[in-house]
Amino acid sequence: MAKRYSRHVSIYYGGYDPGTATTQSSVTLQAEPIEKTVFGEAAETFVAGVRADEGEWAGLFDDSNSMDAAASALGGSIGTNTVFTWMCGTISGTLSTAIGYSAQIANIDNRPFSENVGLVRQSAGIAVDGTWSRGNGILLETISGTATGNTNAHDNGGATTAGGTVYVHVTTGTYGEDGTGTAILHLDHSTSGTGTWASIATMGGINTNQSILATFSGTVRQFTRIRMINAGSSITVAANVARS
């Protein structure tokens, strides 16, 4: 059984990286088990078994690549640029070995605060638009240059056949699409991690402090990676591949 320390946890919201300021974080996967109106008022109704996931974050206040900056820029909207990912893992050799939870965020309750003594802190309550997707994380890596490049491979432990969703966060780098209109971010898969790779999902160009997601179908081989083509600069990305 793998053991992890708090230093192995990474947090991304859009393309912001507040993880280095984090002191506490959690993801909650939850659903009400019964219809409780049999015990009380009709106004208390809800649908039993429907997921109502949420998350929490607490840490130190930072004025740059922080939760405060992310919440100020991204709060109040729902879309591919409001992806939140909680990731725990390490890079071992050429393999990322992380577990990630990702979702689009419906609302974030950002609360900077201070006390009489000590550093300024903040906390955030995270309302998920739907449910957390549990996947295999590709940890934050820099892909250098303007030609084709890719992240380390991730070993998913075996192939699956029902597709899924890939969530990508870009913390540095500015780019669009190449001259032919081909999307420059790809999710690739491979049977060995060292042999032939094939693209199973493509994503349009995004810039610093942005995120994007794409769905894919069919068979997903054991190893996955994120690949770029014809970027305008080096980029730094993190990704979560949630297979169905």
C-alpha atoms as a PDB file:
ATOM      1  CA  MET A   1       0.000   0.000   0.000  1.00  0.00           C
ATOM      2  CA  ALA A   2       1.442   3.377  -1.071  1.00  0.00           C
ATOM      3  CA  LYS A   3       1.894   5.973   1.664  1.00  0.00           C
ATOM      4  CA  ARG A   4       1.738   9.670   0.828  1.00  0.00           C
ATOM      5  CA  TYR A   5       2.745  12.828   2.701  1.00  0.00           C
ATOM      6  CA  SER A   6       1.007  16.188   2.547  1.00  0.00           C
ATOM      7  CA  ARG A   7       3.857  17.453   0.344  1.00  0.00           C
ATOM      8  CA  HIS A   8       2.601  15.061  -2.340  1.00  0.00           C
ATOM      9  CA  VAL A   9      -0.750  16.871  -2.654  1.00  0.00           C
ATOM     10  CA  SER A  10      -1.232  19.336  -5.520  1.00  0.00           C
ATOM     11  CA  ILE A  11      -4.162  21.720  -6.015  1.00  0.00           C
ATOM     12  CA  TYR A  12      -5.154  23.381  -9.304  1.00  0.00           C
ATOM     13  CA  TYR A  13      -8.063  25.698 -10.059  1.00  0.00           C
ATOM     14  CA  GLY A  14      -8.301  26.740 -13.694  1.00  0.00           C
ATOM     15  CA  GLY A  15      -4.640  27.242 -14.516  1.00  0.00           C
ATOM     16  CA  TYR A  16      -3.763  28.574 -11.059  1.00  0.00           C
ATOM     17  CA  ASP A  17      -1.550  26.593  -8.693  1.00  0.00           C
ATOM     18  CA  PRO A  18      -2.388  27.468  -5.072  1.00  0.00           C
ATOM     19  CA  GLY A  19      -0.939  24.164  -3.864  1.00  0.00           C
ATOM     20  CA  THR A  20       2.272  25.645  -2.473  1.00  0.00           C
ATOM     21  CA  ALA A  21       0.206  27.785  -0.050  1.00  0.00           C
ATOM     22  CA  THR A  22      -2.113  24.970   1.040  1.00  0.00           C
ATOM     23  CA  THR A  23      -2.349  23.961   4.697  1.00  0.00           C
ATOM     24  CA  GLN A  24      -5.505  21.823   4.482  1.00  0.00           C
ATOM     25  CA  SER A  25      -7.720  20.525   1.685  1.00  0.00           C
ATOM     26  CA  SER A  26     -10.391  17.905   1.098  1.00  0.00           C
ATOM     27  CA  VAL A  27     -12.762  16.480  -1.480  1.00  0.00           C
ATOM     28  CA  THR A  28     -16.096  15.036  -0.385  1.00  0.00           C
ATOM     29  CA  LEU A  29     -18.049  12.494  -2.404  1.00  0.00           C
ATOM     30  CA  GLN A  30     -21.502  12.258  -0.887  1.00  0.00           C
ATOM     31  CA  ALA A  31     -25.155  11.420  -1.481  1.00  0.00           C
ATOM     32  CA  GLU A  32     -28.195  11.375   0.807  1.00  0.00           C
ATOM     33  CA  PRO A  33     -29.108   7.726   1.431  1.00  0.00           C
ATOM     34  CA  ILE A  34     -32.845   8.124   2.152  1.00  0.00           C
ATOM     35  CA  GLU A  35     -35.753  10.467   1.482  1.00  0.00           C
ATOM     36  CA  LYS A  36     -36.090  12.084   4.891  1.00  0.00           C
ATOM     37  CA  THR A  37     -39.475  13.779   4.331  1.00  0.00           C
ATOM     38  CA  VAL A  38     -41.050  10.668   5.828  1.00  0.00           C
ATOM     39  CA  PHE A  39     -39.765  12.094   9.118  1.00  0.00           C
ATOM     40  CA  GLY A  40     -40.438  15.815   8.677  1.00  0.00           C
ATOM     41  CA  GLU A  41     -41.816  18.636   6.570  1.00  0.00           C
ATOM     42  CA  ALA A  42     -42.483  18.409   2.857  1.00  0.00           C
ATOM     43  CA  ALA A  43     -40.236  21.435   2.313  1.00  0.00           C
ATOM     44  CA  GLU A  44     -37.260  19.276   3.277  1.00  0.00           C
ATOM     45  CA  THR A  45     -37.501  17.085   0.194  1.00  0.00           C
ATOM     46  CA  PHE A  46     -34.516  15.888  -1.802  1.00  0.00           C
ATOM     47  CA  VAL A  47     -33.878  12.974  -4.134  1.00  0.00           C
ATOM     48  CA  ALA A  48     -32.180  10.076  -2.392  1.00  0.00           C
ATOM     49  CA  GLY A  49     -29.025   8.699  -3.982  1.00  0.00           C
ATOM     50  CA  VAL A  50     -28.185  11.829  -5.989  1.00  0.00           C
ATOM     51  CA  ARG A  51     -24.564  12.916  -5.527  1.00  0.00           C
ATOM     52  CA  ALA A  52     -23.936  16.291  -3.883  1.00  0.00           C
ATOM     53  CA  ASP A  53     -20.132  16.476  -3.914  1.00  0.00           C
ATOM     54  CA  GLU A  54     -18.140  19.365  -2.486  1.00  0.00           C
ATOM     55  CA  GLY A  55     -14.643  20.366  -1.442  1.00  0.00           C
ATOM     56  CA  GLU A  56     -12.749  22.589   0.975  1.00  0.00           C
ATOM     57  CA  TRP A  57      -9.423  24.405   0.859  1.00  0.00           C
ATOM     58  CA  ALA A  58      -7.443  26.381   3.438  1.00  0.00           C
ATOM     59  CA  GLY A  59      -4.040  27.983   3.228  1.00  0.00           C
ATOM     60  CA  LEU A  60      -1.925  31.103   3.255  1.00  0.00           C
ATOM     61  CA  PHE A  61      -2.938  34.277   1.439  1.00  0.00           C
ATOM     62  CA  ASP A  62      -0.917  34.944  -1.701  1.00  0.00           C
ATOM     63  CA  ASP A  63      -1.473  37.727  -4.235  1.00  0.00           C
ATOM     64  CA  SER A  64      -0.186  35.983  -7.390  1.00  0.00           C
ATOM     65  CA  ASN A  65      -0.779  32.336  -8.364  1.00  0.00           C
ATOM     66  CA  SER A  66      -3.105  31.769  -5.414  1.00  0.00           C
ATOM     67  CA  MET A  67      -6.607  30.653  -4.514  1.00  0.00           C
ATOM     68  CA  ASP A  68      -7.520  34.308  -4.023  1.00  0.00           C
ATOM     69  CA  ALA A  69      -6.385  35.220  -7.553  1.00  0.00           C
ATOM     70  CA  ALA A  70      -8.134  32.162  -9.012  1.00  0.00           C
ATOM     71  CA  ALA A  71     -11.414  32.798  -7.206  1.00  0.00           C
ATOM     72  CA  SER A  72     -11.360  36.473  -8.219  1.00  0.00           C
ATOM     73  CA  ALA A  73     -10.744  35.631 -11.886  1.00  0.00           C
ATOM     74  CA  LEU A  74     -12.889  32.519 -12.263  1.00  0.00           C
ATOM     75  CA  GLY A  75     -15.678  32.832  -9.684  1.00  0.00           C
ATOM     76  CA  GLY A  76     -19.218  33.255 -10.943  1.00  0.00           C
ATOM     77  CA  SER A  77     -18.886  31.203 -14.118  1.00  0.00           C
ATOM     78  CA  ILE A  78     -19.123  27.546 -15.085  1.00  0.00           C
ATOM     79  CA  GLY A  79     -17.139  26.215 -18.017  1.00  0.00           C
ATOM     80  CA  THR A  80     -14.041  24.357 -19.061  1.00  0.00           C
ATOM     81  CA  ASN A  81     -11.903  27.075 -17.460  1.00  0.00           C
ATOM     82  CA  THR A  82     -13.372  26.474 -13.998  1.00  0.00           C
ATOM     83  CA  VAL A  83     -11.923  22.999 -13.500  1.00  0.00           C
ATOM     84  CA  PHE A  84     -10.673  22.182  -9.995  1.00  0.00           C
ATOM     85  CA  THR A  85      -8.297  19.265  -9.417  1.00  0.00           C
ATOM     86  CA  TRP A  86      -7.079  17.734  -6.158  1.00  0.00           C
ATOM     87  CA  MET A  87      -4.144  15.417  -6.826  1.00  0.00           C
ATOM     88  CA  CYS A  88      -1.965  13.199  -4.639  1.00  0.00           C
ATOM     89  CA  GLY A  89       1.114  11.422  -5.912  1.00  0.00           C
ATOM     90  CA  THR A  90       4.736  11.508  -7.061  1.00  0.00           C
ATOM     91  CA  ILE A  91       6.881  11.072 -10.158  1.00  0.00           C
ATOM     92  CA  SER A  92       8.893   7.837 -10.083  1.00  0.00           C
ATOM     93  CA  GLY A  93      11.418   7.682 -12.911  1.00  0.00           C
ATOM     94  CA  THR A  94       9.435   8.433 -16.075  1.00  0.00           C
ATOM     95  CA  LEU A  95       6.022   7.626 -14.593  1.00  0.00           C
ATOM     96  CA  SER A  96       3.573   9.876 -12.787  1.00  0.00           C
ATOM     97  CA  THR A  97       1.870   7.900 -10.026  1.00  0.00           C
ATOM     98  CA  ALA A  98      -0.909  10.162  -8.787  1.00  0.00           C
ATOM     99  CA  ILE A  99      -4.614   9.868  -8.010  1.00  0.00           C
ATOM    100  CA  GLY A 100      -6.667  12.904  -8.949  1.00  0.00           C
ATOM    101  CA  TYR A 101     -10.178  14.224  -8.309  1.00  0.00           C
ATOM    102  CA  SER A 102     -11.467  16.754 -10.863  1.00  0.00           C
ATOM    103  CA  ALA A 103     -14.725  18.595 -11.511  1.00  0.00           C
ATOM    104  CA  GLN A 104     -16.140  21.772 -12.939  1.00  0.00           C
ATOM    105  CA  ILE A 105     -16.902  24.219 -10.141  1.00  0.00           C
ATOM    106  CA  ALA A 106     -20.338  25.807  -9.819  1.00  0.00           C
ATOM    107  CA  ASN A 107     -19.367  28.207  -7.041  1.00  0.00           C
ATOM    108  CA  ILE A 108     -16.433  28.962  -4.776  1.00  0.00           C
ATOM    109  CA  ASP A 109     -16.810  30.708  -1.432  1.00  0.00           C
ATOM    110  CA  ASN A 110     -13.451  32.469  -1.017  1.00  0.00           C
ATOM    111  CA  ARG A 111     -12.693  33.870   2.466  1.00  0.00           C
ATOM    112  CA  PRO A 112      -9.391  35.702   3.095  1.00  0.00           C
ATOM    113  CA  PHE A 113      -9.008  36.483   6.807  1.00  0.00           C
ATOM    114  CA  SER A 114      -6.497  37.542   9.419  1.00  0.00           C
ATOM    115  CA  GLU A 115      -6.047  37.273  13.170  1.00  0.00           C
ATOM    116  CA  ASN A 116      -4.208  39.447  15.677  1.00  0.00           C
ATOM    117  CA  VAL A 117      -0.932  37.586  15.226  1.00  0.00           C
ATOM    118  CA  GLY A 118       0.499  35.621  12.330  1.00  0.00           C
ATOM    119  CA  LEU A 119       0.266  35.336   8.567  1.00  0.00           C
ATOM    120  CA  VAL A 120      -2.863  36.270   6.653  1.00  0.00           C
ATOM    121  CA  ARG A 121      -4.783  33.134   5.746  1.00  0.00           C
ATOM    122  CA  GLN A 122      -7.777  32.222   3.624  1.00  0.00           C
ATOM    123  CA  SER A 123     -10.206  29.387   3.133  1.00  0.00           C
ATOM    124  CA  ALA A 124     -12.590  28.341   0.369  1.00  0.00           C
ATOM    125  CA  GLY A 125     -15.733  26.257   0.138  1.00  0.00           C
ATOM    126  CA  ILE A 126     -16.076  24.565  -3.247  1.00  0.00           C
ATOM    127  CA  ALA A 127     -19.447  23.672  -4.782  1.00  0.00           C
ATOM    128  CA  VAL A 128     -19.120  21.064  -7.524  1.00  0.00           C
ATOM    129  CA  ASP A 129     -21.198  21.237 -10.707  1.00  0.00           C
ATOM    130  CA  GLY A 130     -22.075  17.541 -10.671  1.00  0.00           C
ATOM    131  CA  THR A 131     -19.615  15.075  -9.189  1.00  0.00           C
ATOM    132  CA  TRP A 132     -15.897  14.597  -8.655  1.00  0.00           C
ATOM    133  CA  SER A 133     -14.257  12.420 -11.314  1.00  0.00           C
ATOM    134  CA  ARG A 134     -11.621  10.124  -9.806  1.00  0.00           C
ATOM    135  CA  GLY A 135      -8.765   9.534 -12.202  1.00  0.00           C
ATOM    136  CA  ASN A 136      -5.069   9.013 -12.738  1.00  0.00           C
ATOM    137  CA  GLY A 137      -3.107  12.225 -12.368  1.00  0.00           C
ATOM    138  CA  ILE A 138      -0.254  13.469 -14.532  1.00  0.00           C
ATOM    139  CA  LEU A 139       1.704  15.759 -12.218  1.00  0.00           C
ATOM    140  CA  LEU A 140       2.784  19.318 -13.055  1.00  0.00           C
ATOM    141  CA  GLU A 141       5.473  19.184 -15.744  1.00  0.00           C
ATOM    142  CA  THR A 142       7.112  21.617 -18.178  1.00  0.00           C
ATOM    143  CA  ILE A 143       7.065  20.678 -21.860  1.00  0.00           C
ATOM    144  CA  SER A 144       9.900  22.631 -23.458  1.00  0.00           C
ATOM    145  CA  GLY A 145      10.275  24.205 -26.878  1.00  0.00           C
ATOM    146  CA  THR A 146       7.932  24.837 -29.770  1.00  0.00           C
ATOM    147  CA  ALA A 147       8.092  21.430 -31.459  1.00  0.00           C
ATOM    148  CA  THR A 148       6.285  18.278 -30.397  1.00  0.00           C
ATOM    149  CA  GLY A 149       6.736  17.451 -26.720  1.00  0.00           C
ATOM    150  CA  ASN A 150       4.958  15.448 -24.061  1.00  0.00           C
ATOM    151  CA  THR A 151       4.632  14.779 -20.351  1.00  0.00           C
ATOM    152  CA  ASN A 152       5.843  11.684 -18.581  1.00  0.00           C
ATOM    153  CA  ALA A 153       3.690   8.620 -19.088  1.00  0.00           C
ATOM    154  CA  HIS A 154       1.166   7.510 -16.484  1.00  0.00           C
ATOM    155  CA  ASP A 155       0.606   3.822 -15.792  1.00  0.00           C
ATOM    156  CA  ASN A 156      -3.143   3.284 -15.359  1.00  0.00           C
ATOM    157  CA  GLY A 157      -2.697  -0.324 -14.292  1.00  0.00           C
ATOM    158  CA  GLY A 158      -4.491  -1.811 -17.294  1.00  0.00           C
ATOM    159  CA  ALA A 159      -6.743  -0.968 -20.243  1.00  0.00           C
ATOM    160  CA  THR A 160     -10.410   0.031 -20.054  1.00  0.00           C
ATOM    161  CA  THR A 161     -13.122   0.148 -22.728  1.00  0.00           C
ATOM    162  CA  ALA A 162     -15.650   2.835 -21.720  1.00  0.00           C
ATOM    163  CA  GLY A 163     -13.822   6.113 -22.459  1.00  0.00           C
ATOM    164  CA  GLY A 164     -13.786   8.972 -19.954  1.00  0.00           C
ATOM    165  CA  THR A 165     -12.775  12.623 -19.474  1.00  0.00           C
ATOM    166  CA  VAL A 166      -9.380  14.334 -19.393  1.00  0.00           C
ATOM    167  CA  TYR A 167      -8.885  17.557 -17.397  1.00  0.00           C
ATOM    168  CA  VAL A 168      -5.838  19.756 -18.201  1.00  0.00           C
ATOM    169  CA  HIS A 169      -4.471  22.784 -16.312  1.00  0.00           C
ATOM    170  CA  VAL A 170      -1.913  25.176 -17.858  1.00  0.00           C
ATOM    171  CA  THR A 171      -0.032  27.269 -15.282  1.00  0.00           C
ATOM    172  CA  THR A 172       2.538  28.836 -17.646  1.00  0.00           C
ATOM    173  CA  GLY A 173       2.805  29.259 -21.423  1.00  0.00           C
ATOM    174  CA  THR A 174       0.802  31.118 -24.059  1.00  0.00           C
ATOM    175  CA  TYR A 175      -0.209  29.524 -27.311  1.00  0.00           C
ATOM    176  CA  GLY A 176      -3.053  28.771 -29.694  1.00  0.00           C
ATOM    177  CA  GLU A 177      -3.382  26.309 -32.548  1.00  0.00           C
ATOM    178  CA  ASP A 178      -0.959  25.597 -35.340  1.00  0.00           C
ATOM    179  CA  GLY A 179      -1.305  26.897 -38.884  1.00  0.00           C
ATOM    180  CA  THR A 180      -3.431  23.966 -40.031  1.00  0.00           C
ATOM    181  CA  GLY A 181      -6.045  24.425 -37.306  1.00  0.00           C
ATOM    182  CA  THR A 182      -5.019  21.212 -35.550  1.00  0.00           C
ATOM    183  CA  ALA A 183      -5.559  21.286 -31.776  1.00  0.00           C
ATOM    184  CA  ILE A 184      -2.185  21.341 -30.111  1.00  0.00           C
ATOM    185  CA  LEU A 185      -3.022  19.445 -26.900  1.00  0.00           C
ATOM    186  CA  HIS A 186      -3.606  15.725 -27.204  1.00  0.00           C
ATOM    187  CA  LEU A 187      -4.310  12.889 -24.813  1.00  0.00           C
ATOM    188  CA  ASP A 188      -2.266   9.938 -26.074  1.00  0.00           C
ATOM    189  CA  HIS A 189      -2.368   6.303 -25.020  1.00  0.00           C
ATOM    190  CA  SER A 190      -0.028   3.354 -25.428  1.00  0.00           C
ATOM    191  CA  THR A 191       0.109  -0.326 -24.581  1.00  0.00           C
ATOM    192  CA  SER A 192       3.689  -0.176 -23.237  1.00  0.00           C
ATOM    193  CA  GLY A 193       4.490   3.456 -22.387  1.00  0.00           C
ATOM    194  CA  THR A 194       7.638   3.304 -24.511  1.00  0.00           C
ATOM    195  CA  GLY A 195       6.390   2.182 -27.917  1.00  0.00           C
ATOM    196  CA  THR A 196       3.763   3.545 -30.303  1.00  0.00           C
ATOM    197  CA  TRP A 197       1.427   6.262 -29.016  1.00  0.00           C
ATOM    198  CA  ALA A 198      -1.942   7.239 -30.503  1.00  0.00           C
ATOM    199  CA  SER A 199      -4.160  10.276 -29.841  1.00  0.00           C
ATOM    200  CA  ILE A 200      -7.584   9.598 -28.300  1.00  0.00           C
ATOM    201  CA  ALA A 201      -8.644  13.186 -27.439  1.00  0.00           C
ATOM    202  CA  THR A 202      -7.733  16.637 -28.751  1.00  0.00           C
ATOM    203  CA  MET A 203      -8.094  20.008 -27.047  1.00  0.00           C
ATOM    204  CA  GLY A 204      -7.926  23.548 -28.446  1.00  0.00           C
ATOM    205  CA  GLY A 205      -5.260  26.027 -27.439  1.00  0.00           C
ATOM    206  CA  ILE A 206      -5.399  27.615 -23.991  1.00  0.00           C
ATOM    207  CA  ASN A 207      -3.186  30.110 -22.187  1.00  0.00           C
ATOM    208  CA  THR A 208      -1.590  30.666 -18.784  1.00  0.00           C
ATOM    209  CA  ASN A 209      -3.975  30.325 -15.814  1.00  0.00           C
ATOM    210  CA  GLN A 210      -6.550  28.422 -17.872  1.00  0.00           C
ATOM    211  CA  SER A 211      -7.881  24.873 -17.930  1.00  0.00           C
ATOM    212  CA  ILE A 212      -9.681  22.712 -20.464  1.00  0.00           C
ATOM    213  CA  LEU A 213     -11.373  19.316 -20.601  1.00  0.00           C
ATOM    214  CA  ALA A 214     -12.311  16.805 -23.279  1.00  0.00           C
ATOM    215  CA  THR A 215     -14.266  13.573 -23.336  1.00  0.00           C
ATOM    216  CA  PHE A 216     -13.145  10.442 -25.139  1.00  0.00           C
ATOM    217  CA  SER A 217     -14.754   7.090 -25.926  1.00  0.00           C
ATOM    218  CA  GLY A 218     -13.778   3.505 -26.546  1.00  0.00           C
ATOM    219  CA  THR A 219     -10.697   1.617 -25.419  1.00  0.00           C
ATOM    220  CA  VAL A 220      -8.063   3.400 -23.333  1.00  0.00           C
ATOM    221  CA  ARG A 221      -4.738   1.605 -23.211  1.00  0.00           C
ATOM    222  CA  GLN A 222      -2.703   1.158 -20.046  1.00  0.00           C
ATOM    223  CA  PHE A 223      -0.421   4.210 -20.410  1.00  0.00           C
ATOM    224  CA  THR A 224      -1.471   7.824 -21.034  1.00  0.00           C
ATOM    225  CA  ARG A 225       0.287  11.172 -21.524  1.00  0.00           C
ATOM    226  CA  ILE A 226      -0.385  14.769 -22.614  1.00  0.00           C
ATOM    227  CA  ARG A 227       1.300  15.857 -25.864  1.00  0.00           C
ATOM    228  CA  MET A 228       1.594  19.292 -27.489  1.00  0.00           C
ATOM    229  CA  ILE A 229       2.414  20.299 -31.061  1.00  0.00           C
ATOM    230  CA  ASN A 230       3.585  23.686 -32.381  1.00  0.00           C
ATOM    231  CA  ALA A 231       3.190  25.639 -29.162  1.00  0.00           C
ATOM    232  CA  GLY A 232       4.286  29.263 -29.062  1.00  0.00           C
ATOM    233  CA  SER A 233       6.427  28.657 -25.981  1.00  0.00           C
ATOM    234  CA  SER A 234       7.259  26.104 -23.330  1.00  0.00           C
ATOM    235  CA  ILE A 235       4.196  25.188 -21.289  1.00  0.00           C
ATOM    236  CA  THR A 236       3.651  23.804 -17.814  1.00  0.00           C
ATOM    237  CA  VAL A 237       0.702  21.458 -17.469  1.00  0.00           C
ATOM    238  CA  ALA A 238      -0.980  19.109 -15.044  1.00  0.00           C
ATOM    239  CA  ALA A 239      -3.713  16.682 -16.058  1.00  0.00           C
ATOM    240  CA  ASN A 240      -6.160  14.167 -14.643  1.00  0.00           C
ATOM    241  CA  VAL A 241      -7.353  11.275 -16.820  1.00  0.00           C
ATOM    242  CA  ALA A 242     -10.651   9.944 -15.443  1.00  0.00           C
ATOM    243  CA  ARG A 243     -11.573   6.703 -17.184  1.00  0.00           C
ATOM    244  CA  SER A 244     -15.179   5.500 -17.013  1.00  0.00           C
END
